[in-house]
């Protein structure tokens, strides 16, 4: 896992699309440019969703990994 400093953590376990993306967007909106968010989801579709969302919005997907049923994303605000 990335050793990037995380400014805020968001637990989206148990939520299905589109809720993890909507909650991630809301959390990112509250960060300053360059700050990072750690989001954890259990929805397998979140991997494709987060890749597409970060590319579309210009935010950086710093890292992504799977730990059991958890999909862990580190996102840096543009």
C-alpha atoms as a PDB file:
ATOM      1  CA  UNK A   1       0.000   0.000   0.000  1.00  0.00           C
ATOM      2  CA  UNK A   2       1.093   3.529  -0.676  1.00  0.00           C
ATOM      3  CA  UNK A   3       2.767   5.393   2.193  1.00  0.00           C
ATOM      4  CA  UNK A   4       1.085   8.611   1.057  1.00  0.00           C
ATOM      5  CA  UNK A   5      -0.251  10.733   3.912  1.00  0.00           C
ATOM      6  CA  UNK A   6      -4.045  10.497   4.005  1.00  0.00           C
ATOM      7  CA  UNK A   7      -6.019  13.592   4.979  1.00  0.00           C
ATOM      8  CA  UNK A   8      -9.435  11.933   5.226  1.00  0.00           C
ATOM      9  CA  UNK A   9     -10.774   8.368   5.227  1.00  0.00           C
ATOM     10  CA  UNK A  10     -14.119   7.348   3.756  1.00  0.00           C
ATOM     11  CA  UNK A  11     -15.750   3.985   4.491  1.00  0.00           C
ATOM     12  CA  UNK A  12     -18.086   2.952   1.664  1.00  0.00           C
ATOM     13  CA  UNK A  13     -18.229  -0.743   2.589  1.00  0.00           C
ATOM     14  CA  UNK A  14     -21.640  -2.265   1.937  1.00  0.00           C
ATOM     15  CA  UNK A  15     -22.646   0.461  -0.537  1.00  0.00           C
ATOM     16  CA  UNK A  16     -23.339  -0.252  -4.200  1.00  0.00           C
ATOM     17  CA  UNK A  17     -22.902   1.931  -7.268  1.00  0.00           C
ATOM     18  CA  UNK A  18     -23.312   4.858  -7.517  1.00  0.00           C
ATOM     19  CA  UNK A  19     -23.025   5.623  -3.777  1.00  0.00           C
ATOM     20  CA  UNK A  20     -19.233   5.085  -3.389  1.00  0.00           C
ATOM     21  CA  UNK A  21     -18.571   7.531  -6.260  1.00  0.00           C
ATOM     22  CA  UNK A  22     -21.094  10.082  -4.971  1.00  0.00           C
ATOM     23  CA  UNK A  23     -19.649   9.969  -1.448  1.00  0.00           C
ATOM     24  CA  UNK A  24     -16.099  10.149  -2.831  1.00  0.00           C
ATOM     25  CA  UNK A  25     -16.980  13.225  -4.892  1.00  0.00           C
ATOM     26  CA  UNK A  26     -18.514  14.926  -1.855  1.00  0.00           C
ATOM     27  CA  UNK A  27     -15.461  14.138   0.289  1.00  0.00           C
ATOM     28  CA  UNK A  28     -12.996  15.304  -2.411  1.00  0.00           C
ATOM     29  CA  UNK A  29     -14.945  18.553  -2.764  1.00  0.00           C
ATOM     30  CA  UNK A  30     -14.126  19.286   0.896  1.00  0.00           C
ATOM     31  CA  UNK A  31     -10.368  18.802   0.419  1.00  0.00           C
ATOM     32  CA  UNK A  32      -7.783  21.330  -0.712  1.00  0.00           C
ATOM     33  CA  UNK A  33      -5.770  20.763  -3.869  1.00  0.00           C
ATOM     34  CA  UNK A  34      -3.025  18.170  -3.247  1.00  0.00           C
ATOM     35  CA  UNK A  35      -4.731  16.579  -0.233  1.00  0.00           C
ATOM     36  CA  UNK A  36      -5.583  12.887  -0.268  1.00  0.00           C
ATOM     37  CA  UNK A  37      -8.577  10.701   0.447  1.00  0.00           C
ATOM     38  CA  UNK A  38      -8.570   7.014   1.346  1.00  0.00           C
ATOM     39  CA  UNK A  39     -11.789   5.309   0.262  1.00  0.00           C
ATOM     40  CA  UNK A  40     -12.644   1.702   1.104  1.00  0.00           C
ATOM     41  CA  UNK A  41     -15.462  -0.077  -0.757  1.00  0.00           C
ATOM     42  CA  UNK A  42     -16.746  -3.637  -1.066  1.00  0.00           C
ATOM     43  CA  UNK A  43     -18.475  -3.185  -4.436  1.00  0.00           C
ATOM     44  CA  UNK A  44     -16.349  -4.984  -7.092  1.00  0.00           C
ATOM     45  CA  UNK A  45     -17.534  -2.421  -9.660  1.00  0.00           C
ATOM     46  CA  UNK A  46     -15.828   0.341  -7.695  1.00  0.00           C
ATOM     47  CA  UNK A  47     -12.495  -0.452  -9.371  1.00  0.00           C
ATOM     48  CA  UNK A  48     -13.748   0.470 -12.845  1.00  0.00           C
ATOM     49  CA  UNK A  49     -15.847   3.312 -11.439  1.00  0.00           C
ATOM     50  CA  UNK A  50     -12.914   4.940  -9.605  1.00  0.00           C
ATOM     51  CA  UNK A  51     -10.582   4.579 -12.613  1.00  0.00           C
ATOM     52  CA  UNK A  52     -13.137   6.246 -14.882  1.00  0.00           C
ATOM     53  CA  UNK A  53     -14.078   8.926 -12.338  1.00  0.00           C
ATOM     54  CA  UNK A  54     -10.492   9.996 -11.599  1.00  0.00           C
ATOM     55  CA  UNK A  55      -9.673  10.200 -15.326  1.00  0.00           C
ATOM     56  CA  UNK A  56     -12.821  12.233 -16.003  1.00  0.00           C
ATOM     57  CA  UNK A  57     -12.305  14.642 -13.089  1.00  0.00           C
ATOM     58  CA  UNK A  58      -8.525  15.025 -13.282  1.00  0.00           C
ATOM     59  CA  UNK A  59      -8.003  13.798  -9.732  1.00  0.00           C
ATOM     60  CA  UNK A  60      -5.100  11.360  -9.287  1.00  0.00           C
ATOM     61  CA  UNK A  61      -5.624   7.716  -8.370  1.00  0.00           C
ATOM     62  CA  UNK A  62      -2.447   7.372  -6.318  1.00  0.00           C
ATOM     63  CA  UNK A  63      -2.974   3.705  -5.504  1.00  0.00           C
ATOM     64  CA  UNK A  64      -5.516   0.926  -5.539  1.00  0.00           C
ATOM     65  CA  UNK A  65      -5.390  -2.493  -3.917  1.00  0.00           C
ATOM     66  CA  UNK A  66      -7.677  -5.288  -2.882  1.00  0.00           C
ATOM     67  CA  UNK A  67      -7.535  -6.689   0.647  1.00  0.00           C
ATOM     68  CA  UNK A  68      -9.970  -9.591   0.908  1.00  0.00           C
ATOM     69  CA  UNK A  69     -13.377  -8.125   0.043  1.00  0.00           C
ATOM     70  CA  UNK A  70     -12.160  -4.538   0.492  1.00  0.00           C
ATOM     71  CA  UNK A  71     -11.134  -2.340  -2.428  1.00  0.00           C
ATOM     72  CA  UNK A  72      -8.859   0.422  -1.143  1.00  0.00           C
ATOM     73  CA  UNK A  73      -8.246   3.610  -3.116  1.00  0.00           C
ATOM     74  CA  UNK A  74      -5.973   6.579  -2.401  1.00  0.00           C
ATOM     75  CA  UNK A  75      -7.047   9.643  -4.397  1.00  0.00           C
ATOM     76  CA  UNK A  76      -5.239  13.003  -4.551  1.00  0.00           C
ATOM     77  CA  UNK A  77      -7.339  16.068  -5.320  1.00  0.00           C
ATOM     78  CA  UNK A  78      -6.183  17.987  -8.392  1.00  0.00           C
END
